[in-house]
């Protein structure tokens, strides 16, 4: 599909193409923070290598079309997106909406909140409407072939999953007039999630 879109855009004289990559394109074994120069510095995680390499090839193709034909093809790398109409399914939803659903369910049923894992992995999140504004900026203003990570003030930077859970509890439970206690379970240890921890 990527080949067809870019080649058809070239043949039809499309002035600019902005493709969307994914954070999964970065090497599995890397240092943090990551930046755009690190995309091709090692293999991606084996769990989604086909998708990751297909996304990486968009960057390679953008560069090739630019070098050979002068095309303005570029790509963006959004961080973890959340916002209206998100997937709030606990089983297969994204991180923040899944946590929101779990906190909401625990509050509504009066049961303890149980989140699996250590809570230590860190993520960057961006609100979907902020991401849309950044896409428009890239389309209008960004003229480089190099991919760009969409971040800045619109991104919640480098937050632990435990910290995200704390923010959600503060918003969903405490700010709505309720009380609550959450338990974060991981590796046989329990972490109390209280008052924004």
Foldseek 3Di string as FASTA:
>chain_A
DLVVVVVVCVVVVPQEAEAEAEPQQADCDDDPDDFLVRRPVHQGDPVPRVNSVVRVVSLVVLVVCCVPPVHQYAYEYEWAEDEPPFDLDLPDGDLLSNLLNQLLVCQVVVHAREAEAPQAAWGKYAYPVLVVVVVVCCVPPPRDRRYGYPDDPRMDPTGGSLLSSLVSCCVNAVVVPHAHWYWYDYPNDIDIRHNRD
